[in-house]
Amino acid sequence: MQTRSSQQERSRHGRRRRTVKEHGPDPADVHVGSRLRLARGLLGLSQVQVAQALGVSFQAVQKYERGEIRVSASRLLQASRLLGQPLEFFFEGLDSPSAPEGDKGEFVRAELELLRAFRALPDSELQRQVLRLVRSMGRVGASAA
């Protein structure tokens, strides 16, 4: 006779339930968590600040961001409002093919700092000028390679 817990681990079709402990986090949960981290980083918020606003511990935010625990629908809605992102933002790129080797599709700290500084520029004309400058620098760097 099976124990109650082993019965609960089996689905209707007799397969074992997927668990984080045995199989690792679900790729969809990892993706949503990485998008949560990106949105938090774009605003320059710490895990502690996000945790306080969401009413959870900062350890829970860490686990959300790593995909170790799933973000509930209500918590994701709360996070989207806090971080100023539509719900779709957290799922963008989920169904796309995986990134090229060595490119995890994640921003590095310098890229986030650049984006924050760009957004802090006082007017759109200055933003356009900076964008032109960076694009021209990219072309020069690409042609020298």
C-alpha atoms as a PDB file:
ATOM      1  CA  MET A   1       0.000   0.000   0.000  1.00  0.00           C
ATOM      2  CA  GLN A   2       1.300   3.439  -0.939  1.00  0.00           C
ATOM      3  CA  THR A   3       1.609   6.132   1.652  1.00  0.00           C
ATOM      4  CA  ARG A   4      -0.506   9.231   1.336  1.00  0.00           C
ATOM      5  CA  SER A   5       2.479  11.441   0.369  1.00  0.00           C
ATOM      6  CA  SER A   6       3.608   9.111  -2.416  1.00  0.00           C
ATOM      7  CA  GLN A   7       0.035   8.976  -3.693  1.00  0.00           C
ATOM      8  CA  GLN A   8      -0.033  12.764  -3.759  1.00  0.00           C
ATOM      9  CA  GLU A   9       3.213  12.844  -5.771  1.00  0.00           C
ATOM     10  CA  ARG A  10       1.606  10.926  -8.613  1.00  0.00           C
ATOM     11  CA  SER A  11      -0.577  12.588 -11.186  1.00  0.00           C
ATOM     12  CA  ARG A  12      -3.699  11.011 -12.629  1.00  0.00           C
ATOM     13  CA  HIS A  13      -1.538   9.338 -15.261  1.00  0.00           C
ATOM     14  CA  GLY A  14       0.743   7.613 -12.790  1.00  0.00           C
ATOM     15  CA  ARG A  15       3.755   9.890 -13.297  1.00  0.00           C
ATOM     16  CA  ARG A  16       5.616  11.484 -10.440  1.00  0.00           C
ATOM     17  CA  ARG A  17       5.055  15.153  -9.842  1.00  0.00           C
ATOM     18  CA  ARG A  18       7.889  17.511 -10.813  1.00  0.00           C
ATOM     19  CA  THR A  19       9.659  18.842  -7.737  1.00  0.00           C
ATOM     20  CA  VAL A  20      12.297  21.558  -7.399  1.00  0.00           C
ATOM     21  CA  LYS A  21      14.303  19.327  -5.089  1.00  0.00           C
ATOM     22  CA  GLU A  22      14.570  16.496  -7.609  1.00  0.00           C
ATOM     23  CA  HIS A  23      14.350  18.274 -10.967  1.00  0.00           C
ATOM     24  CA  GLY A  24      15.448  21.838 -10.278  1.00  0.00           C
ATOM     25  CA  PRO A  25      13.324  24.923 -10.857  1.00  0.00           C
ATOM     26  CA  ASP A  26      10.933  24.993 -13.771  1.00  0.00           C
ATOM     27  CA  PRO A  27      12.403  27.017 -16.688  1.00  0.00           C
ATOM     28  CA  ALA A  28       9.288  29.203 -16.797  1.00  0.00           C
ATOM     29  CA  ASP A  29       9.707  30.097 -13.114  1.00  0.00           C
ATOM     30  CA  VAL A  30      13.390  30.899 -13.704  1.00  0.00           C
ATOM     31  CA  HIS A  31      12.446  33.141 -16.640  1.00  0.00           C
ATOM     32  CA  VAL A  32       9.753  35.028 -14.705  1.00  0.00           C
ATOM     33  CA  GLY A  33      12.188  35.408 -11.813  1.00  0.00           C
ATOM     34  CA  SER A  34      14.918  36.802 -14.062  1.00  0.00           C
ATOM     35  CA  ARG A  35      12.445  39.318 -15.496  1.00  0.00           C
ATOM     36  CA  LEU A  36      11.480  40.288 -11.936  1.00  0.00           C
ATOM     37  CA  ARG A  37      15.164  40.868 -11.177  1.00  0.00           C
ATOM     38  CA  LEU A  38      15.557  42.928 -14.367  1.00  0.00           C
ATOM     39  CA  ALA A  39      12.540  45.132 -13.568  1.00  0.00           C
ATOM     40  CA  ARG A  40      13.810  45.629 -10.016  1.00  0.00           C
ATOM     41  CA  GLY A  41      17.269  46.519 -11.322  1.00  0.00           C
ATOM     42  CA  LEU A  42      15.911  49.001 -13.867  1.00  0.00           C
ATOM     43  CA  LEU A  43      14.345  50.949 -11.011  1.00  0.00           C
ATOM     44  CA  GLY A  44      17.407  50.608  -8.801  1.00  0.00           C
ATOM     45  CA  LEU A  45      15.444  48.894  -6.038  1.00  0.00           C
ATOM     46  CA  SER A  46      16.986  46.461  -3.592  1.00  0.00           C
ATOM     47  CA  GLN A  47      15.512  43.062  -2.802  1.00  0.00           C
ATOM     48  CA  VAL A  48      14.697  44.401   0.670  1.00  0.00           C
ATOM     49  CA  GLN A  49      12.718  47.335  -0.769  1.00  0.00           C
ATOM     50  CA  VAL A  50      10.750  45.065  -3.092  1.00  0.00           C
ATOM     51  CA  ALA A  51      10.154  42.564  -0.291  1.00  0.00           C
ATOM     52  CA  GLN A  52       8.786  45.251   2.035  1.00  0.00           C
ATOM     53  CA  ALA A  53       6.475  46.593  -0.672  1.00  0.00           C
ATOM     54  CA  LEU A  54       5.204  43.095  -1.482  1.00  0.00           C
ATOM     55  CA  GLY A  55       4.882  42.061   2.150  1.00  0.00           C
ATOM     56  CA  VAL A  56       7.337  39.142   1.922  1.00  0.00           C
ATOM     57  CA  SER A  57      10.850  38.490   3.214  1.00  0.00           C
ATOM     58  CA  PHE A  58      13.852  39.490   1.130  1.00  0.00           C
ATOM     59  CA  GLN A  59      14.747  35.774   1.054  1.00  0.00           C
ATOM     60  CA  ALA A  60      11.435  35.140  -0.723  1.00  0.00           C
ATOM     61  CA  VAL A  61      12.362  37.763  -3.336  1.00  0.00           C
ATOM     62  CA  GLN A  62      15.739  36.033  -3.790  1.00  0.00           C
ATOM     63  CA  LYS A  63      13.972  32.714  -4.325  1.00  0.00           C
ATOM     64  CA  TYR A  64      11.474  34.273  -6.741  1.00  0.00           C
ATOM     65  CA  GLU A  65      14.351  35.708  -8.767  1.00  0.00           C
ATOM     66  CA  ARG A  66      16.124  32.340  -8.952  1.00  0.00           C
ATOM     67  CA  GLY A  67      12.912  30.478  -9.738  1.00  0.00           C
ATOM     68  CA  GLU A  68      13.218  28.400  -6.577  1.00  0.00           C
ATOM     69  CA  ILE A  69       9.694  29.336  -5.548  1.00  0.00           C
ATOM     70  CA  ARG A  70       6.870  30.250  -7.858  1.00  0.00           C
ATOM     71  CA  VAL A  71       5.440  33.759  -7.910  1.00  0.00           C
ATOM     72  CA  SER A  72       1.679  33.492  -7.450  1.00  0.00           C
ATOM     73  CA  ALA A  73      -0.625  35.310  -9.850  1.00  0.00           C
ATOM     74  CA  SER A  74      -1.686  37.829  -7.199  1.00  0.00           C
ATOM     75  CA  ARG A  75       1.927  38.484  -6.143  1.00  0.00           C
ATOM     76  CA  LEU A  76       3.000  38.894  -9.786  1.00  0.00           C
ATOM     77  CA  LEU A  77       0.212  41.432 -10.325  1.00  0.00           C
ATOM     78  CA  GLN A  78       1.345  43.264  -7.199  1.00  0.00           C
ATOM     79  CA  ALA A  79       4.975  43.208  -8.443  1.00  0.00           C
ATOM     80  CA  SER A  80       3.989  44.445 -11.910  1.00  0.00           C
ATOM     81  CA  ARG A  81       2.255  47.453 -10.382  1.00  0.00           C
ATOM     82  CA  LEU A  82       5.144  48.148  -8.022  1.00  0.00           C
ATOM     83  CA  LEU A  83       7.770  47.880 -10.781  1.00  0.00           C
ATOM     84  CA  GLY A  84       5.728  49.732 -13.406  1.00  0.00           C
ATOM     85  CA  GLN A  85       5.738  46.849 -15.874  1.00  0.00           C
ATOM     86  CA  PRO A  86       2.795  45.187 -17.616  1.00  0.00           C
ATOM     87  CA  LEU A  87       2.217  41.521 -16.756  1.00  0.00           C
ATOM     88  CA  GLU A  88       3.357  40.573 -20.276  1.00  0.00           C
ATOM     89  CA  PHE A  89       6.834  41.909 -19.451  1.00  0.00           C
ATOM     90  CA  PHE A  90       7.491  38.970 -17.136  1.00  0.00           C
ATOM     91  CA  PHE A  91       6.753  36.477 -19.919  1.00  0.00           C
ATOM     92  CA  GLU A  92       8.466  38.221 -22.858  1.00  0.00           C
ATOM     93  CA  GLY A  93      10.933  35.890 -24.531  1.00  0.00           C
ATOM     94  CA  LEU A  94       9.676  32.826 -22.688  1.00  0.00           C
ATOM     95  CA  ASP A  95       8.786  30.946 -25.873  1.00  0.00           C
ATOM     96  CA  SER A  96      11.710  32.214 -27.934  1.00  0.00           C
ATOM     97  CA  PRO A  97      14.657  29.957 -28.755  1.00  0.00           C
ATOM     98  CA  SER A  98      17.435  29.916 -26.197  1.00  0.00           C
ATOM     99  CA  ALA A  99      20.108  32.617 -26.312  1.00  0.00           C
ATOM    100  CA  PRO A 100      23.425  31.984 -28.057  1.00  0.00           C
ATOM    101  CA  GLU A 101      26.073  30.306 -25.951  1.00  0.00           C
ATOM    102  CA  GLY A 102      27.683  32.716 -23.523  1.00  0.00           C
ATOM    103  CA  ASP A 103      24.742  35.156 -23.800  1.00  0.00           C
ATOM    104  CA  LYS A 104      22.150  34.512 -21.138  1.00  0.00           C
ATOM    105  CA  GLY A 105      20.142  37.521 -22.261  1.00  0.00           C
ATOM    106  CA  GLU A 106      20.702  39.154 -18.876  1.00  0.00           C
ATOM    107  CA  PHE A 107      21.874  42.682 -18.294  1.00  0.00           C
ATOM    108  CA  VAL A 108      25.143  43.218 -16.502  1.00  0.00           C
ATOM    109  CA  ARG A 109      25.405  45.910 -13.846  1.00  0.00           C
ATOM    110  CA  ALA A 110      27.056  48.437 -16.209  1.00  0.00           C
ATOM    111  CA  GLU A 111      24.206  48.089 -18.717  1.00  0.00           C
ATOM    112  CA  LEU A 112      21.626  48.735 -16.006  1.00  0.00           C
ATOM    113  CA  GLU A 113      23.582  51.770 -14.797  1.00  0.00           C
ATOM    114  CA  LEU A 114      23.763  53.086 -18.368  1.00  0.00           C
ATOM    115  CA  LEU A 115      20.023  52.667 -18.809  1.00  0.00           C
ATOM    116  CA  ARG A 116      19.257  54.375 -15.494  1.00  0.00           C
ATOM    117  CA  ALA A 117      21.564  57.272 -16.373  1.00  0.00           C
ATOM    118  CA  PHE A 118      19.987  57.538 -19.844  1.00  0.00           C
ATOM    119  CA  ARG A 119      16.486  57.677 -18.363  1.00  0.00           C
ATOM    120  CA  ALA A 120      17.625  60.352 -15.905  1.00  0.00           C
ATOM    121  CA  LEU A 121      18.645  62.735 -18.726  1.00  0.00           C
ATOM    122  CA  PRO A 122      16.520  65.877 -18.473  1.00  0.00           C
ATOM    123  CA  ASP A 123      15.035  65.955 -21.978  1.00  0.00           C
ATOM    124  CA  SER A 124      14.356  63.801 -24.997  1.00  0.00           C
ATOM    125  CA  GLU A 125      16.680  65.791 -27.298  1.00  0.00           C
ATOM    126  CA  LEU A 126      19.625  65.048 -25.039  1.00  0.00           C
ATOM    127  CA  GLN A 127      18.600  61.375 -25.004  1.00  0.00           C
ATOM    128  CA  ARG A 128      18.573  61.351 -28.834  1.00  0.00           C
ATOM    129  CA  GLN A 129      22.054  62.906 -28.942  1.00  0.00           C
ATOM    130  CA  VAL A 130      23.445  60.338 -26.493  1.00  0.00           C
ATOM    131  CA  LEU A 131      21.842  57.537 -28.498  1.00  0.00           C
ATOM    132  CA  ARG A 132      23.425  58.828 -31.727  1.00  0.00           C
ATOM    133  CA  LEU A 133      26.802  59.043 -29.992  1.00  0.00           C
ATOM    134  CA  VAL A 134      26.620  55.502 -28.650  1.00  0.00           C
ATOM    135  CA  ARG A 135      25.462  54.130 -32.015  1.00  0.00           C
ATOM    136  CA  SER A 136      28.331  55.855 -33.826  1.00  0.00           C
ATOM    137  CA  MET A 137      30.801  54.514 -31.269  1.00  0.00           C
ATOM    138  CA  GLY A 138      29.408  51.015 -31.880  1.00  0.00           C
ATOM    139  CA  ARG A 139      29.893  51.385 -35.644  1.00  0.00           C
ATOM    140  CA  VAL A 140      33.478  52.605 -35.194  1.00  0.00           C
ATOM    141  CA  GLY A 141      34.221  49.709 -32.830  1.00  0.00           C
ATOM    142  CA  ALA A 142      32.673  47.176 -35.229  1.00  0.00           C
ATOM    143  CA  SER A 143      34.600  48.451 -38.250  1.00  0.00           C
ATOM    144  CA  ALA A 144      37.906  48.371 -36.342  1.00  0.00           C
ATOM    145  CA  ALA A 145      37.415  44.702 -35.458  1.00  0.00           C
END
